Amino acid sequence: MIGSYIRITVDPVFAEQQETAAPGVMRVIRGTACELGSFGRPAGKVYIFSTINLRGIVKLRVAAEMTDKNTHEISYIACPDRVVVFEPQIREMLADTVPSDSYTLVCLNEKSCGAVIFRRRSGNLEFLLVKNKRGGNWGFPKGHIEKGEDEYATAHREVLEETGLDVSFVEGFRAISEYHPRGRIFKQVVFFLSEMPEGGEVVPQQCEIDRFIWADYGLAMRTFRFNNDRSVLTQARDWLRSM
């Protein structure tokens, strides 16, 4: 269902309320899935995230599925094309309607934040790479953005949790990595840049991180499995060289 288009009947009450909404501002519009055809599911509640007014029957893309923890009833989050919403935004905008601890959420779009951490040794740049226990791949410390956090707060928290480093970020650097790790799921990762704190010590998070290494640019490029990580590293290396 996620990523597919479904027909939705917009609730007439919400259609009327849209007239007073400020143009261009994201709002939540209620509706009902008209037919789910080959998906073999009954009609369900739909929460439409949109910046434009909608009424009648519309065909929108499913951006997330909500499953009630008690009844196991499935509801849907749907959006017009070009509207991208991530989990924290969905939970925040539905907070007054559906308690965030009452359902599980699977999203089409996932967002994480992290950091490229570097140090200087004998005039050379070295970068901190961590190996994740779940995926077994080498990368930079990162993690999902949570409710109430901005990108910087998420990156700071994830670096602290995964490496034990209390970092500050170099102003002006922001790299974005985008890919599809699981079919239709879209993943966006925002990376900042930080120098290893003086006197800092890497203490890997036991439940998440298998190992860590400090690697120069060449070794890091050979160690990474994915070109997205190589691209972020190259951006960081080039940015540091230009300083």
Protein backbone atom coordinates (compact mmCIF):
# COMPACT_ATOMS: atom_id res chain seq x y z
CA MET A 1 0.00 0.00 0.00
CA ILE A 2 2.71 2.49 0.91
CA GLY A 3 3.67 4.49 -2.16
CA SER A 4 0.52 3.45 -4.04
CA TYR A 5 -2.27 5.77 -5.16
CA ILE A 6 -5.76 5.36 -3.69
CA ARG A 7 -9.11 7.09 -4.21
CA ILE A 8 -10.24 9.12 -1.21
CA THR A 9 -13.52 10.84 -0.40
CA VAL A 10 -12.81 14.09 1.43
CA ASP A 11 -14.98 14.59 4.53
CA PRO A 12 -17.41 17.47 3.65
CA VAL A 13 -16.94 19.07 7.08
CA PHE A 14 -13.20 19.32 6.52
CA ALA A 15 -13.75 20.56 2.97
CA GLU A 16 -15.67 23.53 4.38
CA GLN A 17 -13.07 24.22 7.08
CA GLN A 18 -10.37 24.57 4.44
CA GLU A 19 -11.84 27.86 3.27
CA THR A 20 -10.43 29.62 6.33
CA ALA A 21 -6.99 27.96 6.14
CA ALA A 22 -4.01 30.11 5.19
CA PRO A 23 -2.80 29.35 1.66
CA GLY A 24 0.40 27.33 1.42
CA VAL A 25 0.22 26.12 5.04
CA MET A 26 0.18 22.39 5.69
CA ARG A 27 -3.07 21.18 7.16
CA VAL A 28 -4.65 17.79 7.95
CA ILE A 29 -7.85 16.96 6.07
CA ARG A 30 -9.93 13.92 6.96
CA GLY A 31 -11.26 11.47 4.42
CA THR A 32 -12.18 7.86 3.70
CA ALA A 33 -10.48 5.45 1.36
CA CYS A 34 -13.14 4.74 -1.28
CA GLU A 35 -11.83 1.45 -2.62
CA LEU A 36 -8.59 -0.41 -2.17
CA GLY A 37 -9.17 -2.83 -5.06
CA SER A 38 -6.49 -5.48 -5.43
CA PHE A 39 -5.06 -4.61 -2.01
CA GLY A 40 -7.93 -6.60 -0.49
CA ARG A 41 -8.49 -4.18 2.37
CA PRO A 42 -11.73 -2.56 3.56
CA ALA A 43 -12.24 1.17 3.37
CA GLY A 44 -10.30 3.01 6.06
CA LYS A 45 -9.77 6.41 7.60
CA VAL A 46 -7.37 8.69 5.78
CA TYR A 47 -5.51 11.74 7.09
CA ILE A 48 -4.57 13.93 4.13
CA PHE A 49 -1.55 16.20 4.52
CA SER A 50 -1.92 19.01 2.03
CA THR A 51 -1.10 22.68 1.43
CA ILE A 52 -4.00 23.08 -1.03
CA ASN A 53 -7.76 22.79 -0.64
CA LEU A 54 -9.25 19.43 -1.57
CA ARG A 55 -12.86 18.31 -1.91
CA GLY A 56 -14.92 15.51 -3.40
CA ILE A 57 -13.06 12.41 -4.54
CA VAL A 58 -9.31 12.69 -5.00
CA LYS A 59 -6.55 10.24 -5.91
CA LEU A 60 -3.51 10.61 -3.66
CA ARG A 61 -0.38 8.68 -2.77
CA VAL A 62 -0.17 6.76 0.51
CA ALA A 63 2.69 8.28 2.52
CA ALA A 64 2.27 6.16 5.66
CA GLU A 65 0.21 3.46 7.33
CA MET A 66 -0.98 3.75 10.93
CA THR A 67 -1.88 0.60 12.84
CA ASP A 68 -3.86 0.93 16.06
CA LYS A 69 -2.02 -1.02 18.78
CA ASN A 70 -5.28 -2.25 20.36
CA THR A 71 -7.68 -2.85 17.47
CA HIS A 72 -5.05 -3.38 14.74
CA GLU A 73 -7.20 -1.16 12.50
CA ILE A 74 -5.19 0.42 9.69
CA SER A 75 -5.52 4.09 8.78
CA TYR A 76 -3.64 5.94 6.08
CA ILE A 77 -1.65 9.12 5.60
CA ALA A 78 -1.95 10.42 2.05
CA CYS A 79 -0.45 13.42 0.26
CA PRO A 80 -0.66 15.14 -3.11
CA ASP A 81 2.36 14.73 -5.37
CA ARG A 82 5.40 16.83 -4.37
CA VAL A 83 4.31 16.91 -0.71
CA VAL A 84 6.88 15.07 1.40
CA VAL A 85 6.22 14.35 5.08
CA PHE A 86 8.40 12.52 7.58
CA GLU A 87 7.44 10.61 10.74
CA PRO A 88 8.01 13.40 13.33
CA GLN A 89 5.87 15.83 11.32
CA ILE A 90 3.07 13.27 10.98
CA ARG A 91 3.03 12.52 14.71
CA GLU A 92 3.17 16.20 15.63
CA MET A 93 0.30 17.23 13.35
CA LEU A 94 -1.88 14.34 14.55
CA ALA A 95 -1.06 14.78 18.24
CA ASP A 96 -4.36 16.51 19.07
CA THR A 97 -6.33 13.79 17.27
CA VAL A 98 -4.51 10.51 17.85
CA PRO A 99 -2.18 9.89 20.85
CA SER A 100 1.27 9.13 19.44
CA ASP A 101 1.70 6.07 21.69
CA SER A 102 -1.53 4.45 20.48
CA TYR A 103 -0.32 3.42 17.04
CA THR A 104 2.65 2.21 15.05
CA LEU A 105 3.66 4.08 11.94
CA VAL A 106 5.38 2.90 8.77
CA CYS A 107 6.35 5.75 6.45
CA LEU A 108 7.19 6.10 2.79
CA ASN A 109 9.72 8.81 3.65
CA GLU A 110 12.32 8.40 6.38
CA LYS A 111 14.70 11.10 7.59
CA SER A 112 17.91 10.75 9.58
CA CYS A 113 20.68 13.11 10.60
CA GLY A 114 24.31 12.53 11.49
CA ALA A 115 27.80 13.89 11.20
CA VAL A 116 31.12 13.46 9.45
CA ILE A 117 33.66 13.66 12.27
CA PHE A 118 37.28 14.39 11.41
CA ARG A 119 40.63 14.85 13.12
CA ARG A 120 44.04 16.03 11.95
CA ARG A 121 47.05 13.75 12.36
CA SER A 122 50.52 14.85 11.12
CA GLY A 123 48.89 17.20 8.65
CA ASN A 124 46.51 14.54 7.31
CA LEU A 125 42.74 14.32 7.66
CA GLU A 126 41.23 11.23 9.24
CA PHE A 127 37.51 10.45 9.42
CA LEU A 128 35.56 8.45 11.98
CA LEU A 129 33.74 5.45 10.48
CA VAL A 130 31.40 3.22 12.45
CA LYS A 131 30.13 -0.25 11.58
CA ASN A 132 26.47 -0.80 12.35
CA LYS A 133 25.56 -4.11 13.98
CA ARG A 134 22.25 -4.48 12.18
CA GLY A 135 23.29 -3.78 8.61
CA GLY A 136 26.96 -4.65 8.96
CA ASN A 137 27.92 -1.68 6.79
CA TRP A 138 30.49 1.03 7.50
CA GLY A 139 29.25 4.60 7.58
CA PHE A 140 29.01 7.78 9.61
CA PRO A 141 27.13 8.02 12.93
CA LYS A 142 23.49 8.90 12.24
CA GLY A 143 19.92 8.12 13.30
CA HIS A 144 16.25 8.92 12.86
CA ILE A 145 14.95 12.38 13.64
CA GLU A 146 12.54 12.37 16.59
CA LYS A 147 9.58 14.47 17.61
CA GLY A 148 10.49 18.01 18.65
CA GLU A 149 14.00 17.86 17.18
CA ASP A 150 15.53 19.89 14.38
CA GLU A 151 18.29 18.47 12.20
CA TYR A 152 21.10 19.74 14.43
CA ALA A 153 19.53 18.33 17.58
CA THR A 154 19.12 14.90 16.00
CA ALA A 155 22.68 14.83 14.66
CA HIS A 156 24.09 15.90 18.04
CA ARG A 157 22.03 13.30 19.94
CA GLU A 158 22.85 10.45 17.56
CA VAL A 159 26.58 11.20 17.55
CA LEU A 160 26.58 11.34 21.36
CA GLU A 161 24.65 8.07 21.65
CA GLU A 162 26.65 6.13 19.06
CA THR A 163 30.16 7.45 19.79
CA GLY A 164 30.06 9.14 23.19
CA LEU A 165 31.33 12.39 21.61
CA ASP A 166 29.76 15.72 22.56
CA VAL A 167 30.39 17.53 19.29
CA SER A 168 29.77 20.99 17.88
CA PHE A 169 29.26 21.48 14.17
CA VAL A 170 31.34 23.44 11.69
CA GLU A 171 29.24 26.27 10.34
CA GLY A 172 28.36 26.19 6.65
CA PHE A 173 28.51 22.46 5.85
CA ARG A 174 25.38 20.42 5.16
CA ALA A 175 25.38 17.37 2.86
CA ILE A 176 22.32 15.38 1.86
CA SER A 177 22.24 11.70 0.93
CA GLU A 178 19.06 10.33 -0.65
CA TYR A 179 18.31 6.75 -1.66
CA HIS A 180 15.72 3.95 -1.65
CA PRO A 181 16.89 1.24 0.78
CA ARG A 182 13.73 -0.88 0.65
CA GLY A 183 11.88 -0.68 -2.64
CA ARG A 184 9.56 2.31 -2.53
CA ILE A 185 10.78 3.65 0.80
CA PHE A 186 12.62 6.96 0.34
CA LYS A 187 15.46 7.77 2.75
CA GLN A 188 16.98 11.22 3.28
CA VAL A 189 20.03 11.63 5.51
CA VAL A 190 21.43 15.05 6.42
CA PHE A 191 25.07 15.20 7.49
CA PHE A 192 26.91 17.97 9.29
CA LEU A 193 30.64 18.30 9.90
CA SER A 194 32.47 18.23 13.21
CA GLU A 195 36.06 18.13 14.38
CA MET A 196 36.96 15.58 17.03
CA PRO A 197 36.64 17.40 20.39
CA GLU A 198 39.93 18.03 22.16
CA GLY A 199 40.38 15.35 24.80
CA GLY A 200 37.40 13.42 23.44
CA GLU A 201 37.26 9.65 23.47
CA VAL A 202 35.19 7.45 21.18
CA VAL A 203 32.99 5.12 23.26
CA PRO A 204 30.87 3.10 20.82
CA GLN A 205 27.26 2.33 21.70
CA GLN A 206 27.29 -1.40 22.47
CA CYS A 207 23.78 -2.14 21.19
CA GLU A 208 24.23 -0.31 17.87
CA ILE A 209 27.91 -0.13 16.88
CA ASP A 210 30.09 -3.14 16.20
CA ARG A 211 33.43 -1.36 15.59
CA PHE A 212 34.91 2.01 14.70
CA ILE A 213 38.05 3.12 12.86
CA TRP A 214 39.81 6.34 11.97
CA ALA A 215 40.55 6.31 8.23
CA ASP A 216 42.15 8.71 5.79
CA TYR A 217 40.23 9.61 2.66
CA GLY A 218 41.61 6.75 0.56
CA LEU A 219 40.96 4.03 3.12
CA ALA A 220 37.49 5.38 3.86
CA MET A 221 36.58 5.39 0.17
CA ARG A 222 37.65 1.74 -0.11
CA THR A 223 35.84 0.78 3.09
CA PHE A 224 32.45 2.22 2.19
CA ARG A 225 30.05 -0.08 0.39
CA PHE A 226 27.74 2.62 -0.97
CA ASN A 227 28.47 5.54 -3.29
CA ASN A 228 26.20 7.81 -1.21
CA ASP A 229 28.70 7.60 1.66
CA ARG A 230 31.62 8.19 -0.70
CA SER A 231 29.88 11.29 -2.08
CA VAL A 232 29.30 12.75 1.42
CA LEU A 233 32.92 12.05 2.36
CA THR A 234 34.20 13.74 -0.80
CA GLN A 235 32.05 16.80 -0.11
CA ALA A 236 33.44 16.99 3.43
CA ARG A 237 37.05 16.53 2.28
CA ASP A 238 36.71 19.19 -0.45
CA TRP A 239 34.99 21.61 1.93
CA LEU A 240 37.77 21.22 4.52
CA ARG A 241 40.41 21.78 1.83
CA SER A 242 38.72 25.02 0.81
CA MET A 243 38.78 26.47 4.32
